[in-house]
């Protein structure tokens, strides 16, 4: 992959920094704050908004990277739905991986349906892990907005304290509120509004992409479920089990005969034990002997 490929991991943050820097230099960030109601554009607020724009652009570019892959998978799935024979097992697509596993399971005599189910579960897990960084960036957008709001309000409090005199003159207090507090408050909440608005846009794009990716996995599964449903039942059964069925039947017959002989032997041993017990009992009883004299 080329270093300057737009799918390179460094491309998205680099473009985000360039765009935000350009907006900051040209005064577009200050104009954006004025659009959301800010009457002033403090330096801290402008820097935070520029950072928010950089994170937003980075997130959107990372999300958009998945669009060509979604289109490629969709085209491969459509070809497989029309004719499964057009799919090559070596293709690095959802249907290609499923076809390769299906053939390997058929050759090894395994359960193709179970293998396809496991492949589908792996694909779902891969989709969940693919956008972890994107979700973290979307979550960071409103956090940066709150940070900008806190920085702006901290500057507001400092300016308000410097504007007051030690006498507590009401006119000075009112003038300080109008000059330092109210405009800074509008700027502070303007930063949060920009961050929340951009986070909603990024989250919407993320939702559309994830929905399309999961739909692609479901479509690939449906293609092979239809293919399995059309196969005869004997072809879906594991081959080694069918071949070993006569041998298993012969082994079962031999085991039954052996069990019968074992039961007869046990009965003979029980009879022998009974006879020995009777003989022992007879020998243990006292015996009487009579002497007879011959004449």
C-alpha atoms as a PDB file:
ATOM      1  CA  UNK A   1       0.000   0.000   0.000  1.00  0.00           C
ATOM      2  CA  UNK A   2       1.381   3.389  -0.965  1.00  0.00           C
ATOM      3  CA  UNK A   3       2.366   5.838   1.721  1.00  0.00           C
ATOM      4  CA  UNK A   4       0.140   8.484   0.130  1.00  0.00           C
ATOM      5  CA  UNK A   5      -2.868   6.226  -0.241  1.00  0.00           C
ATOM      6  CA  UNK A   6      -5.962   7.861   1.219  1.00  0.00           C
ATOM      7  CA  UNK A   7      -6.653   4.657   3.162  1.00  0.00           C
ATOM      8  CA  UNK A   8      -3.318   4.939   4.971  1.00  0.00           C
ATOM      9  CA  UNK A   9      -3.798   5.440   8.770  1.00  0.00           C
ATOM     10  CA  UNK A  10      -1.795   8.694   8.714  1.00  0.00           C
ATOM     11  CA  UNK A  11      -3.824  10.239   5.897  1.00  0.00           C
ATOM     12  CA  UNK A  12      -6.986  11.041   7.887  1.00  0.00           C
ATOM     13  CA  UNK A  13      -5.375  12.880  10.854  1.00  0.00           C
ATOM     14  CA  UNK A  14      -3.021  14.746   8.517  1.00  0.00           C
ATOM     15  CA  UNK A  15      -5.903  16.036   6.414  1.00  0.00           C
ATOM     16  CA  UNK A  16      -7.828  16.914   9.575  1.00  0.00           C
ATOM     17  CA  UNK A  17      -4.963  19.032  10.887  1.00  0.00           C
ATOM     18  CA  UNK A  18      -4.523  20.754   7.525  1.00  0.00           C
ATOM     19  CA  UNK A  19      -8.229  21.597   7.246  1.00  0.00           C
ATOM     20  CA  UNK A  20      -8.519  22.884  10.822  1.00  0.00           C
ATOM     21  CA  UNK A  21      -5.325  24.933  10.473  1.00  0.00           C
ATOM     22  CA  UNK A  22      -6.600  26.499   7.273  1.00  0.00           C
ATOM     23  CA  UNK A  23      -9.922  27.392   8.890  1.00  0.00           C
ATOM     24  CA  UNK A  24      -8.134  28.896  11.863  1.00  0.00           C
ATOM     25  CA  UNK A  25      -5.790  31.012   9.751  1.00  0.00           C
ATOM     26  CA  UNK A  26      -8.466  32.271   7.365  1.00  0.00           C
ATOM     27  CA  UNK A  27     -10.791  33.307  10.215  1.00  0.00           C
ATOM     28  CA  UNK A  28     -13.431  30.710   9.401  1.00  0.00           C
ATOM     29  CA  UNK A  29     -13.336  29.397  12.978  1.00  0.00           C
ATOM     30  CA  UNK A  30     -14.183  32.849  14.351  1.00  0.00           C
ATOM     31  CA  UNK A  31     -16.981  33.163  11.790  1.00  0.00           C
ATOM     32  CA  UNK A  32     -18.303  29.765  12.854  1.00  0.00           C
ATOM     33  CA  UNK A  33     -18.433  30.872  16.484  1.00  0.00           C
ATOM     34  CA  UNK A  34     -20.318  34.000  15.463  1.00  0.00           C
ATOM     35  CA  UNK A  35     -22.812  31.857  13.529  1.00  0.00           C
ATOM     36  CA  UNK A  36     -23.683  29.900  16.696  1.00  0.00           C
ATOM     37  CA  UNK A  37     -24.241  33.104  18.677  1.00  0.00           C
ATOM     38  CA  UNK A  38     -20.824  34.089  20.018  1.00  0.00           C
ATOM     39  CA  UNK A  39     -20.188  37.842  20.010  1.00  0.00           C
ATOM     40  CA  UNK A  40     -16.446  37.440  20.573  1.00  0.00           C
ATOM     41  CA  UNK A  41     -13.897  34.846  19.549  1.00  0.00           C
ATOM     42  CA  UNK A  42     -11.345  34.285  22.328  1.00  0.00           C
ATOM     43  CA  UNK A  43      -8.094  32.609  21.362  1.00  0.00           C
ATOM     44  CA  UNK A  44      -8.794  29.624  23.628  1.00  0.00           C
ATOM     45  CA  UNK A  45     -12.213  29.078  22.061  1.00  0.00           C
ATOM     46  CA  UNK A  46     -10.804  29.276  18.535  1.00  0.00           C
ATOM     47  CA  UNK A  47      -8.052  26.756  19.313  1.00  0.00           C
ATOM     48  CA  UNK A  48     -10.507  24.274  20.809  1.00  0.00           C
ATOM     49  CA  UNK A  49     -12.899  24.653  17.867  1.00  0.00           C
ATOM     50  CA  UNK A  50     -10.004  24.062  15.468  1.00  0.00           C
ATOM     51  CA  UNK A  51      -9.154  20.880  17.403  1.00  0.00           C
ATOM     52  CA  UNK A  52     -12.791  19.777  17.236  1.00  0.00           C
ATOM     53  CA  UNK A  53     -12.841  20.309  13.466  1.00  0.00           C
ATOM     54  CA  UNK A  54      -9.624  18.295  13.109  1.00  0.00           C
ATOM     55  CA  UNK A  55     -11.076  15.386  15.088  1.00  0.00           C
ATOM     56  CA  UNK A  56     -14.328  15.560  13.111  1.00  0.00           C
ATOM     57  CA  UNK A  57     -12.581  15.505   9.725  1.00  0.00           C
ATOM     58  CA  UNK A  58     -10.336  12.633  10.881  1.00  0.00           C
ATOM     59  CA  UNK A  59     -13.325  10.618  12.054  1.00  0.00           C
ATOM     60  CA  UNK A  60     -15.322  11.158   8.870  1.00  0.00           C
ATOM     61  CA  UNK A  61     -12.390  10.194   6.657  1.00  0.00           C
ATOM     62  CA  UNK A  62     -11.811   7.027   8.703  1.00  0.00           C
ATOM     63  CA  UNK A  63     -15.488   6.131   8.353  1.00  0.00           C
ATOM     64  CA  UNK A  64     -15.566   6.850   4.610  1.00  0.00           C
ATOM     65  CA  UNK A  65     -12.670   4.421   4.087  1.00  0.00           C
ATOM     66  CA  UNK A  66     -15.134   1.561   4.558  1.00  0.00           C
ATOM     67  CA  UNK A  67     -17.409   2.630   1.680  1.00  0.00           C
ATOM     68  CA  UNK A  68     -15.356   1.041  -1.174  1.00  0.00           C
ATOM     69  CA  UNK A  69     -15.086  -2.184   0.799  1.00  0.00           C
ATOM     70  CA  UNK A  70     -18.850  -2.210   1.356  1.00  0.00           C
ATOM     71  CA  UNK A  71     -19.449  -1.738  -2.371  1.00  0.00           C
ATOM     72  CA  UNK A  72     -17.012  -4.528  -3.261  1.00  0.00           C
ATOM     73  CA  UNK A  73     -18.642  -6.933  -0.820  1.00  0.00           C
ATOM     74  CA  UNK A  74     -22.104  -5.990  -2.083  1.00  0.00           C
ATOM     75  CA  UNK A  75     -21.094  -6.654  -5.721  1.00  0.00           C
ATOM     76  CA  UNK A  76     -19.574 -10.027  -4.795  1.00  0.00           C
ATOM     77  CA  UNK A  77     -22.677 -11.019  -2.853  1.00  0.00           C
ATOM     78  CA  UNK A  78     -24.945 -10.063  -5.757  1.00  0.00           C
ATOM     79  CA  UNK A  79     -22.883 -12.216  -8.130  1.00  0.00           C
ATOM     80  CA  UNK A  80     -23.045 -15.113  -5.673  1.00  0.00           C
ATOM     81  CA  UNK A  81     -26.811 -14.738  -5.313  1.00  0.00           C
ATOM     82  CA  UNK A  82     -27.195 -14.924  -9.104  1.00  0.00           C
ATOM     83  CA  UNK A  83     -24.746 -17.812  -9.530  1.00  0.00           C
ATOM     84  CA  UNK A  84     -22.758 -19.290  -6.679  1.00  0.00           C
ATOM     85  CA  UNK A  85     -20.439 -20.892  -9.201  1.00  0.00           C
ATOM     86  CA  UNK A  86     -19.099 -17.463 -10.140  1.00  0.00           C
ATOM     87  CA  UNK A  87     -17.542 -17.083  -6.681  1.00  0.00           C
ATOM     88  CA  UNK A  88     -13.913 -18.102  -6.378  1.00  0.00           C
ATOM     89  CA  UNK A  89     -12.851 -19.665  -3.057  1.00  0.00           C
ATOM     90  CA  UNK A  90      -9.653 -17.612  -3.163  1.00  0.00           C
ATOM     91  CA  UNK A  91     -11.499 -14.278  -3.163  1.00  0.00           C
ATOM     92  CA  UNK A  92     -11.011 -12.237  -0.007  1.00  0.00           C
ATOM     93  CA  UNK A  93     -14.714 -11.465   0.335  1.00  0.00           C
ATOM     94  CA  UNK A  94     -17.477 -12.584   2.658  1.00  0.00           C
ATOM     95  CA  UNK A  95     -18.909 -15.029   0.116  1.00  0.00           C
ATOM     96  CA  UNK A  96     -15.434 -16.184  -0.946  1.00  0.00           C
ATOM     97  CA  UNK A  97     -14.434 -17.080   2.611  1.00  0.00           C
ATOM     98  CA  UNK A  98     -17.726 -18.864   3.168  1.00  0.00           C
ATOM     99  CA  UNK A  99     -17.380 -20.877  -0.028  1.00  0.00           C
ATOM    100  CA  UNK A 100     -13.841 -21.901   0.893  1.00  0.00           C
ATOM    101  CA  UNK A 101     -14.919 -23.062   4.352  1.00  0.00           C
ATOM    102  CA  UNK A 102     -17.936 -24.847   2.885  1.00  0.00           C
ATOM    103  CA  UNK A 103     -15.761 -26.853   0.494  1.00  0.00           C
ATOM    104  CA  UNK A 104     -13.208 -27.671   3.180  1.00  0.00           C
ATOM    105  CA  UNK A 105     -15.967 -28.846   5.518  1.00  0.00           C
ATOM    106  CA  UNK A 106     -17.505 -30.977   2.754  1.00  0.00           C
ATOM    107  CA  UNK A 107     -14.160 -32.579   1.907  1.00  0.00           C
ATOM    108  CA  UNK A 108     -13.357 -33.270   5.564  1.00  0.00           C
ATOM    109  CA  UNK A 109     -16.843 -34.571   6.272  1.00  0.00           C
ATOM    110  CA  UNK A 110     -17.660 -31.821   8.764  1.00  0.00           C
ATOM    111  CA  UNK A 111     -20.888 -30.005   9.425  1.00  0.00           C
ATOM    112  CA  UNK A 112     -21.013 -27.210   6.827  1.00  0.00           C
ATOM    113  CA  UNK A 113     -23.897 -25.429   8.558  1.00  0.00           C
ATOM    114  CA  UNK A 114     -21.986 -25.199  11.838  1.00  0.00           C
ATOM    115  CA  UNK A 115     -18.877 -23.974  10.045  1.00  0.00           C
ATOM    116  CA  UNK A 116     -20.809 -21.252   8.243  1.00  0.00           C
ATOM    117  CA  UNK A 117     -22.436 -20.183  11.509  1.00  0.00           C
ATOM    118  CA  UNK A 118     -19.037 -19.880  13.165  1.00  0.00           C
ATOM    119  CA  UNK A 119     -17.732 -17.833  10.227  1.00  0.00           C
ATOM    120  CA  UNK A 120     -20.696 -15.475  10.519  1.00  0.00           C
ATOM    121  CA  UNK A 121     -20.052 -14.995  14.246  1.00  0.00           C
ATOM    122  CA  UNK A 122     -16.395 -14.200  13.535  1.00  0.00           C
ATOM    123  CA  UNK A 123     -17.376 -11.615  10.937  1.00  0.00           C
ATOM    124  CA  UNK A 124     -19.760  -9.955  13.393  1.00  0.00           C
ATOM    125  CA  UNK A 125     -16.993  -9.774  15.986  1.00  0.00           C
ATOM    126  CA  UNK A 126     -14.601  -8.309  13.416  1.00  0.00           C
ATOM    127  CA  UNK A 127     -17.122  -5.600  12.540  1.00  0.00           C
ATOM    128  CA  UNK A 128     -17.517  -4.717  16.214  1.00  0.00           C
ATOM    129  CA  UNK A 129     -13.741  -4.350  16.643  1.00  0.00           C
ATOM    130  CA  UNK A 130     -13.129  -2.515  13.372  1.00  0.00           C
ATOM    131  CA  UNK A 131     -14.556   0.846  14.462  1.00  0.00           C
ATOM    132  CA  UNK A 132     -13.383   1.080  18.072  1.00  0.00           C
ATOM    133  CA  UNK A 133     -11.129   4.056  17.322  1.00  0.00           C
ATOM    134  CA  UNK A 134     -13.888   5.792  15.345  1.00  0.00           C
ATOM    135  CA  UNK A 135     -16.338   5.442  18.233  1.00  0.00           C
ATOM    136  CA  UNK A 136     -13.694   6.830  20.612  1.00  0.00           C
ATOM    137  CA  UNK A 137     -13.163   9.867  18.372  1.00  0.00           C
ATOM    138  CA  UNK A 138     -16.912  10.500  18.170  1.00  0.00           C
ATOM    139  CA  UNK A 139     -17.123  10.274  21.961  1.00  0.00           C
ATOM    140  CA  UNK A 140     -14.224  12.744  22.252  1.00  0.00           C
ATOM    141  CA  UNK A 141     -15.954  15.475  20.219  1.00  0.00           C
ATOM    142  CA  UNK A 142     -18.403  16.656  22.928  1.00  0.00           C
ATOM    143  CA  UNK A 143     -15.679  16.214  25.555  1.00  0.00           C
ATOM    144  CA  UNK A 144     -13.489  18.675  23.683  1.00  0.00           C
ATOM    145  CA  UNK A 145     -16.498  20.991  23.497  1.00  0.00           C
ATOM    146  CA  UNK A 146     -16.903  20.946  27.267  1.00  0.00           C
ATOM    147  CA  UNK A 147     -13.160  21.544  27.685  1.00  0.00           C
ATOM    148  CA  UNK A 148     -13.400  24.593  25.426  1.00  0.00           C
ATOM    149  CA  UNK A 149     -16.363  25.848  27.409  1.00  0.00           C
ATOM    150  CA  UNK A 150     -14.470  25.460  30.673  1.00  0.00           C
ATOM    151  CA  UNK A 151     -11.405  27.265  29.312  1.00  0.00           C
ATOM    152  CA  UNK A 152     -13.498  30.134  27.988  1.00  0.00           C
ATOM    153  CA  UNK A 153     -15.395  30.516  31.269  1.00  0.00           C
ATOM    154  CA  UNK A 154     -12.133  30.459  33.216  1.00  0.00           C
ATOM    155  CA  UNK A 155     -10.828  33.317  31.069  1.00  0.00           C
ATOM    156  CA  UNK A 156     -14.138  35.108  31.589  1.00  0.00           C
ATOM    157  CA  UNK A 157     -13.838  34.911  35.382  1.00  0.00           C
ATOM    158  CA  UNK A 158     -10.307  36.285  35.258  1.00  0.00           C
ATOM    159  CA  UNK A 159     -11.301  39.190  33.036  1.00  0.00           C
ATOM    160  CA  UNK A 160     -14.309  39.962  35.202  1.00  0.00           C
ATOM    161  CA  UNK A 161     -12.193  40.034  38.362  1.00  0.00           C
ATOM    162  CA  UNK A 162      -9.660  42.387  36.803  1.00  0.00           C
ATOM    163  CA  UNK A 163     -12.424  44.747  35.645  1.00  0.00           C
ATOM    164  CA  UNK A 164     -13.901  45.225  39.115  1.00  0.00           C
ATOM    165  CA  UNK A 165     -12.576  47.845  41.471  1.00  0.00           C
ATOM    166  CA  UNK A 166     -12.288  47.499  45.183  1.00  0.00           C
ATOM    167  CA  UNK A 167     -15.178  49.857  45.950  1.00  0.00           C
ATOM    168  CA  UNK A 168     -17.990  47.631  44.638  1.00  0.00           C
ATOM    169  CA  UNK A 169     -19.472  50.379  42.463  1.00  0.00           C
ATOM    170  CA  UNK A 170     -22.681  49.048  40.835  1.00  0.00           C
ATOM    171  CA  UNK A 171     -22.048  50.917  37.605  1.00  0.00           C
ATOM    172  CA  UNK A 172     -18.608  49.338  37.306  1.00  0.00           C
ATOM    173  CA  UNK A 173     -20.116  45.926  38.021  1.00  0.00           C
ATOM    174  CA  UNK A 174     -22.752  46.340  35.312  1.00  0.00           C
ATOM    175  CA  UNK A 175     -20.181  47.542  32.801  1.00  0.00           C
ATOM    176  CA  UNK A 176     -17.926  44.562  33.602  1.00  0.00           C
ATOM    177  CA  UNK A 177     -20.803  42.147  33.152  1.00  0.00           C
ATOM    178  CA  UNK A 178     -21.659  43.620  29.756  1.00  0.00           C
ATOM    179  CA  UNK A 179     -18.076  43.732  28.585  1.00  0.00           C
ATOM    180  CA  UNK A 180     -16.556  40.512  29.938  1.00  0.00           C
ATOM    181  CA  UNK A 181     -19.203  38.081  31.206  1.00  0.00           C
ATOM    182  CA  UNK A 182     -22.066  37.981  28.729  1.00  0.00           C
ATOM    183  CA  UNK A 183     -19.980  37.878  25.512  1.00  0.00           C
ATOM    184  CA  UNK A 184     -17.644  35.266  26.964  1.00  0.00           C
ATOM    185  CA  UNK A 185     -20.594  33.124  28.037  1.00  0.00           C
ATOM    186  CA  UNK A 186     -21.935  33.147  24.478  1.00  0.00           C
ATOM    187  CA  UNK A 187     -18.519  32.115  23.161  1.00  0.00           C
ATOM    188  CA  UNK A 188     -18.210  29.357  25.784  1.00  0.00           C
ATOM    189  CA  UNK A 189     -21.520  27.750  24.937  1.00  0.00           C
ATOM    190  CA  UNK A 190     -20.857  28.271  21.226  1.00  0.00           C
ATOM    191  CA  UNK A 191     -17.876  25.900  21.458  1.00  0.00           C
ATOM    192  CA  UNK A 192     -20.091  23.217  23.002  1.00  0.00           C
ATOM    193  CA  UNK A 193     -22.767  23.717  20.350  1.00  0.00           C
ATOM    194  CA  UNK A 194     -20.232  23.242  17.535  1.00  0.00           C
ATOM    195  CA  UNK A 195     -18.864  20.088  19.172  1.00  0.00           C
ATOM    196  CA  UNK A 196     -22.295  18.566  19.759  1.00  0.00           C
ATOM    197  CA  UNK A 197     -23.459  19.339  16.215  1.00  0.00           C
ATOM    198  CA  UNK A 198     -20.368  17.768  14.620  1.00  0.00           C
ATOM    199  CA  UNK A 199     -20.586  14.722  16.906  1.00  0.00           C
ATOM    200  CA  UNK A 200     -24.177  14.133  15.761  1.00  0.00           C
ATOM    201  CA  UNK A 201     -23.063  14.273  12.104  1.00  0.00           C
ATOM    202  CA  UNK A 202     -20.179  11.866  12.743  1.00  0.00           C
ATOM    203  CA  UNK A 203     -22.395   9.483  14.687  1.00  0.00           C
ATOM    204  CA  UNK A 204     -24.939   9.474  11.860  1.00  0.00           C
ATOM    205  CA  UNK A 205     -22.258   8.585   9.311  1.00  0.00           C
ATOM    206  CA  UNK A 206     -20.933   5.867  11.622  1.00  0.00           C
ATOM    207  CA  UNK A 207     -24.408   4.370  12.011  1.00  0.00           C
ATOM    208  CA  UNK A 208     -24.989   4.235   8.255  1.00  0.00           C
ATOM    209  CA  UNK A 209     -21.653   2.517   7.610  1.00  0.00           C
ATOM    210  CA  UNK A 210     -22.097  -0.068  10.386  1.00  0.00           C
ATOM    211  CA  UNK A 211     -25.621  -0.796   9.180  1.00  0.00           C
ATOM    212  CA  UNK A 212     -24.356  -1.371   5.634  1.00  0.00           C
ATOM    213  CA  UNK A 213     -21.560  -3.663   6.868  1.00  0.00           C
ATOM    214  CA  UNK A 214     -23.927  -5.797   8.949  1.00  0.00           C
ATOM    215  CA  UNK A 215     -26.345  -5.958   6.032  1.00  0.00           C
ATOM    216  CA  UNK A 216     -23.488  -7.283   3.888  1.00  0.00           C
ATOM    217  CA  UNK A 217     -22.753 -10.065   6.390  1.00  0.00           C
ATOM    218  CA  UNK A 218     -26.446 -10.989   6.556  1.00  0.00           C
ATOM    219  CA  UNK A 219     -26.697 -11.036   2.747  1.00  0.00           C
ATOM    220  CA  UNK A 220     -23.668 -13.348   2.457  1.00  0.00           C
ATOM    221  CA  UNK A 221     -25.161 -15.679   5.065  1.00  0.00           C
ATOM    222  CA  UNK A 222     -28.487 -15.707   3.212  1.00  0.00           C
ATOM    223  CA  UNK A 223     -26.797 -16.730  -0.047  1.00  0.00           C
ATOM    224  CA  UNK A 224     -25.304 -19.851   1.506  1.00  0.00           C
ATOM    225  CA  UNK A 225     -28.379 -20.629   3.580  1.00  0.00           C
ATOM    226  CA  UNK A 226     -30.366 -20.766   0.342  1.00  0.00           C
ATOM    227  CA  UNK A 227     -27.613 -22.891  -1.202  1.00  0.00           C
ATOM    228  CA  UNK A 228     -27.709 -25.300   1.755  1.00  0.00           C
ATOM    229  CA  UNK A 229     -31.489 -25.510   1.642  1.00  0.00           C
ATOM    230  CA  UNK A 230     -31.358 -26.600  -2.010  1.00  0.00           C
ATOM    231  CA  UNK A 231     -28.822 -29.363  -1.379  1.00  0.00           C
ATOM    232  CA  UNK A 232     -30.094 -32.933  -0.841  1.00  0.00           C
ATOM    233  CA  UNK A 233     -30.053 -34.101   2.738  1.00  0.00           C
ATOM    234  CA  UNK A 234     -27.572 -36.887   2.003  1.00  0.00           C
ATOM    235  CA  UNK A 235     -25.081 -34.382   0.604  1.00  0.00           C
ATOM    236  CA  UNK A 236     -25.323 -32.220   3.681  1.00  0.00           C
ATOM    237  CA  UNK A 237     -24.675 -35.183   5.998  1.00  0.00           C
ATOM    238  CA  UNK A 238     -21.055 -35.709   7.058  1.00  0.00           C
ATOM    239  CA  UNK A 239     -19.393 -38.199   4.680  1.00  0.00           C
ATOM    240  CA  UNK A 240     -17.267 -40.188   7.190  1.00  0.00           C
ATOM    241  CA  UNK A 241     -20.297 -40.900   9.370  1.00  0.00           C
ATOM    242  CA  UNK A 242     -22.205 -42.290   6.381  1.00  0.00           C
ATOM    243  CA  UNK A 243     -19.264 -44.446   5.305  1.00  0.00           C
ATOM    244  CA  UNK A 244     -18.669 -45.774   8.796  1.00  0.00           C
ATOM    245  CA  UNK A 245     -22.327 -46.689   9.378  1.00  0.00           C
ATOM    246  CA  UNK A 246     -21.996 -50.429   8.364  1.00  0.00           C
ATOM    247  CA  UNK A 247     -18.879 -50.810  10.507  1.00  0.00           C
ATOM    248  CA  UNK A 248     -20.651 -49.239  13.463  1.00  0.00           C
ATOM    249  CA  UNK A 249     -23.572 -51.618  12.998  1.00  0.00           C
ATOM    250  CA  UNK A 250     -21.217 -54.651  12.991  1.00  0.00           C
ATOM    251  CA  UNK A 251     -19.464 -53.388  16.076  1.00  0.00           C
ATOM    252  CA  UNK A 252     -22.798 -52.912  17.813  1.00  0.00           C
ATOM    253  CA  UNK A 253     -23.780 -56.520  16.980  1.00  0.00           C
ATOM    254  CA  UNK A 254     -20.501 -57.868  18.380  1.00  0.00           C
ATOM    255  CA  UNK A 255     -20.912 -55.811  21.527  1.00  0.00           C
ATOM    256  CA  UNK A 256     -24.416 -57.229  22.003  1.00  0.00           C
ATOM    257  CA  UNK A 257     -23.149 -60.817  21.651  1.00  0.00           C
ATOM    258  CA  UNK A 258     -20.299 -60.152  24.057  1.00  0.00           C
ATOM    259  CA  UNK A 259     -22.754 -58.700  26.532  1.00  0.00           C
ATOM    260  CA  UNK A 260     -24.893 -61.859  26.342  1.00  0.00           C
ATOM    261  CA  UNK A 261     -21.896 -64.099  26.981  1.00  0.00           C
ATOM    262  CA  UNK A 262     -20.838 -61.916  29.891  1.00  0.00           C
ATOM    263  CA  UNK A 263     -24.279 -62.196  31.453  1.00  0.00           C
ATOM    264  CA  UNK A 264     -24.177 -66.037  31.130  1.00  0.00           C
ATOM    265  CA  UNK A 265     -20.743 -66.105  32.757  1.00  0.00           C
ATOM    266  CA  UNK A 266     -21.996 -63.938  35.616  1.00  0.00           C
ATOM    267  CA  UNK A 267     -24.926 -66.332  36.156  1.00  0.00           C
ATOM    268  CA  UNK A 268     -22.540 -69.330  36.238  1.00  0.00           C
ATOM    269  CA  UNK A 269     -20.323 -67.575  38.770  1.00  0.00           C
ATOM    270  CA  UNK A 270     -23.340 -66.835  40.940  1.00  0.00           C
ATOM    271  CA  UNK A 271     -24.365 -70.538  40.891  1.00  0.00           C
ATOM    272  CA  UNK A 272     -20.815 -71.631  41.749  1.00  0.00           C
ATOM    273  CA  UNK A 273     -20.678 -69.158  44.608  1.00  0.00           C
ATOM    274  CA  UNK A 274     -23.996 -70.497  45.971  1.00  0.00           C
ATOM    275  CA  UNK A 275     -22.714 -74.094  45.841  1.00  0.00           C
ATOM    276  CA  UNK A 276     -19.494 -73.162  47.630  1.00  0.00           C
ATOM    277  CA  UNK A 277     -21.449 -71.360  50.330  1.00  0.00           C
ATOM    278  CA  UNK A 278     -23.646 -74.429  50.879  1.00  0.00           C
ATOM    279  CA  UNK A 279     -20.622 -76.711  51.064  1.00  0.00           C
ATOM    280  CA  UNK A 280     -18.935 -74.451  53.592  1.00  0.00           C
ATOM    281  CA  UNK A 281     -22.071 -74.381  55.700  1.00  0.00           C
ATOM    282  CA  UNK A 282     -22.284 -78.193  55.633  1.00  0.00           C
ATOM    283  CA  UNK A 283     -18.674 -78.624  56.735  1.00  0.00           C
ATOM    284  CA  UNK A 284     -19.041 -76.162  59.589  1.00  0.00           C
ATOM    285  CA  UNK A 285     -21.963 -78.058  61.215  1.00  0.00           C
ATOM    286  CA  UNK A 286     -21.022 -80.691  63.954  1.00  0.00           C
ATOM    287  CA  UNK A 287     -21.239 -84.269  62.714  1.00  0.00           C
ATOM    288  CA  UNK A 288     -22.108 -87.529  64.597  1.00  0.00           C
ATOM    289  CA  UNK A 289     -20.263 -90.798  63.871  1.00  0.00           C
ATOM    290  CA  UNK A 290     -21.633 -94.359  64.835  1.00  0.00           C
ATOM    291  CA  UNK A 291     -19.362 -97.366  65.303  1.00  0.00           C
ATOM    292  CA  UNK A 292     -20.719-100.720  64.167  1.00  0.00           C
ATOM    293  CA  UNK A 293     -19.015-103.959  65.236  1.00  0.00           C
ATOM    294  CA  UNK A 294     -19.053-106.892  62.869  1.00  0.00           C
ATOM    295  CA  UNK A 295     -19.850-110.346  64.231  1.00  0.00           C
END
